[in-house]
């Protein structure tokens, strides 16, 4: 499982011109599920992302987690994070999980984040989405589950 985690002051998702999700201060998480990932990866990723100390404290140091700042999380499934560009000019997505598994583990990730008491919004799985964000910092972290 691979995630791109962005600290944002705002983020939203639109589908066909309709706003389907929106958060203020928090994290935008683009989540890619790989073939071979399982529920343990989803739970590990949720705990890791929620525990990341990437928000500034009173001294301006990245020392606080999303829970510490009472932020929200916007999760968006993005299989293209598993694209392999090492050969040729067209990415290969053979390492991305099949949609059935990806949707299941994406949902498990969201449930695990919610169980950790973080307000959560989501994009829509397997749809064309327009994502808007204001990256705060900018802070962008790539997180991979141990099985990667």
Protein backbone atom coordinates (compact mmCIF):
# COMPACT_ATOMS: atom_id res chain seq x y z
CA UNK A 1 0.00 0.00 0.00
CA UNK A 2 1.31 3.41 -0.90
CA UNK A 3 0.03 6.79 0.28
CA UNK A 4 0.85 10.35 -0.62
CA UNK A 5 -0.01 12.39 2.47
CA UNK A 6 -0.38 16.15 2.08
CA UNK A 7 -0.90 18.57 4.94
CA UNK A 8 -3.62 20.92 3.75
CA UNK A 9 -5.43 24.01 4.92
CA UNK A 10 -8.30 22.91 2.65
CA UNK A 11 -9.13 20.17 0.15
CA UNK A 12 -12.17 19.05 -1.81
CA UNK A 13 -13.33 16.47 -4.32
CA UNK A 14 -15.78 17.09 -7.15
CA UNK A 15 -17.37 14.43 -9.33
CA UNK A 16 -19.22 15.56 -12.48
CA UNK A 17 -19.37 19.12 -11.14
CA UNK A 18 -20.81 18.04 -7.77
CA UNK A 19 -18.85 18.59 -4.55
CA UNK A 20 -18.75 15.18 -2.83
CA UNK A 21 -16.23 15.89 -0.06
CA UNK A 22 -14.54 18.86 1.57
CA UNK A 23 -12.28 19.43 4.55
CA UNK A 24 -10.52 22.38 6.14
CA UNK A 25 -7.30 21.90 8.16
CA UNK A 26 -6.03 18.34 7.92
CA UNK A 27 -4.64 15.73 5.55
CA UNK A 28 -5.35 14.78 1.97
CA UNK A 29 -4.39 11.12 1.54
CA UNK A 30 -4.06 9.68 -1.94
CA UNK A 31 -4.09 5.91 -1.41
CA UNK A 32 -2.86 3.22 -3.79
CA UNK A 33 -3.56 -0.43 -3.05
CA UNK A 34 -1.09 -2.97 -4.43
CA UNK A 35 -1.65 -6.56 -5.41
CA UNK A 36 -0.85 -8.61 -2.31
CA UNK A 37 -1.94 -5.98 0.21
CA UNK A 38 -4.32 -7.09 2.94
CA UNK A 39 -6.28 -5.83 5.93
CA UNK A 40 -3.13 -5.62 8.04
CA UNK A 41 -1.66 -3.15 5.52
CA UNK A 42 -4.82 -1.02 5.66
CA UNK A 43 -4.77 -0.90 9.46
CA UNK A 44 -1.01 -0.22 9.57
CA UNK A 45 -1.38 2.60 7.04
CA UNK A 46 -4.26 4.20 8.95
CA UNK A 47 -2.33 4.13 12.23
CA UNK A 48 0.82 5.48 10.56
CA UNK A 49 -0.94 8.34 8.78
CA UNK A 50 -2.97 9.38 11.82
CA UNK A 51 0.17 9.30 13.99
CA UNK A 52 2.44 11.27 11.64
CA UNK A 53 3.72 14.32 13.45
CA UNK A 54 3.62 16.76 10.55
CA UNK A 55 1.67 19.67 12.03
CA UNK A 56 3.51 22.54 13.68
CA UNK A 57 3.50 23.13 17.42
CA UNK A 58 3.74 26.56 19.08
CA UNK A 59 7.49 26.62 18.36
CA UNK A 60 6.97 26.02 14.64
CA UNK A 61 8.31 22.45 14.77
CA UNK A 62 6.50 19.56 13.09
CA UNK A 63 5.60 17.83 16.32
CA UNK A 64 1.82 17.33 16.24
CA UNK A 65 -0.43 14.71 14.63
CA UNK A 66 -3.78 15.22 12.95
CA UNK A 67 -5.49 14.22 16.21
CA UNK A 68 -3.47 16.77 18.16
CA UNK A 69 -4.76 19.57 15.92
CA UNK A 70 -8.31 18.15 15.61
CA UNK A 71 -7.90 18.03 11.84
CA UNK A 72 -9.89 16.10 9.24
CA UNK A 73 -8.73 13.57 6.68
CA UNK A 74 -9.82 13.34 3.05
CA UNK A 75 -9.05 9.91 1.55
CA UNK A 76 -8.94 9.42 -2.22
CA UNK A 77 -8.27 6.09 -3.91
CA UNK A 78 -5.60 6.45 -6.60
CA UNK A 79 -4.35 3.32 -8.34
CA UNK A 80 -1.93 5.37 -10.44
CA UNK A 81 0.34 5.63 -7.39
CA UNK A 82 1.37 2.06 -8.24
CA UNK A 83 2.45 3.05 -11.75
CA UNK A 84 5.90 1.76 -12.71
CA UNK A 85 7.71 4.15 -15.05
CA UNK A 86 11.12 2.50 -15.08
CA UNK A 87 10.74 1.11 -18.61
CA UNK A 88 9.34 2.88 -21.61
CA UNK A 89 7.17 5.98 -21.57
CA UNK A 90 3.83 4.53 -20.55
CA UNK A 91 3.40 3.56 -16.88
CA UNK A 92 2.66 -0.07 -16.10
CA UNK A 93 -0.04 -0.69 -13.51
CA UNK A 94 0.42 -4.44 -13.13
CA UNK A 95 1.31 -4.02 -9.43
CA UNK A 96 -1.97 -2.26 -8.64
CA UNK A 97 -4.63 -4.39 -6.96
CA UNK A 98 -7.73 -5.45 -8.88
CA UNK A 99 -10.66 -3.07 -8.24
CA UNK A 100 -12.51 -5.54 -5.98
CA UNK A 101 -9.55 -5.86 -3.58
CA UNK A 102 -8.61 -2.19 -3.86
CA UNK A 103 -12.11 -1.01 -2.92
CA UNK A 104 -12.27 -3.42 0.02
CA UNK A 105 -8.91 -2.28 1.44
CA UNK A 106 -9.63 1.40 0.73
CA UNK A 107 -12.82 0.99 2.79
CA UNK A 108 -10.88 -0.80 5.54
CA UNK A 109 -8.36 2.06 5.62
CA UNK A 110 -11.19 4.60 5.99
CA UNK A 111 -12.86 2.57 8.76
CA UNK A 112 -9.55 2.25 10.61
CA UNK A 113 -8.99 6.03 10.43
CA UNK A 114 -12.50 6.65 11.74
CA UNK A 115 -11.92 4.18 14.59
CA UNK A 116 -8.96 6.36 15.55
CA UNK A 117 -11.39 9.28 16.03
CA UNK A 118 -10.40 11.32 13.00
CA UNK A 119 -13.18 13.02 11.05
CA UNK A 120 -13.02 11.54 7.55
CA UNK A 121 -14.34 12.46 4.12
CA UNK A 122 -13.81 10.38 0.97
CA UNK A 123 -13.68 10.60 -2.76
CA UNK A 124 -15.68 8.16 -4.87
CA UNK A 125 -14.01 4.91 -5.77
CA UNK A 126 -13.39 4.26 -9.47
CA UNK A 127 -14.74 7.58 -10.72
CA UNK A 128 -13.10 10.52 -12.43
CA UNK A 129 -12.55 13.10 -9.69
CA UNK A 130 -11.34 16.69 -9.62
CA UNK A 131 -9.32 17.34 -6.49
CA UNK A 132 -8.56 20.83 -5.21
CA UNK A 133 -6.19 21.50 -2.36
CA UNK A 134 -4.14 24.11 -0.63
CA UNK A 135 -0.98 22.31 0.46
CA UNK A 136 0.12 23.84 3.75
CA UNK A 137 3.88 24.21 4.01
CA UNK A 138 4.08 22.59 1.52
CA UNK A 139 4.26 19.30 3.37
CA UNK A 140 4.01 16.10 1.32
CA UNK A 141 5.07 12.69 2.65
CA UNK A 142 5.13 9.32 0.88
CA UNK A 143 4.30 6.36 3.11
CA UNK A 144 4.57 2.71 2.09
CA UNK A 145 3.34 -0.22 4.12
CA UNK A 146 6.04 -2.66 5.30
CA UNK A 147 5.04 -5.27 2.69
CA UNK A 148 6.11 -2.88 -0.10
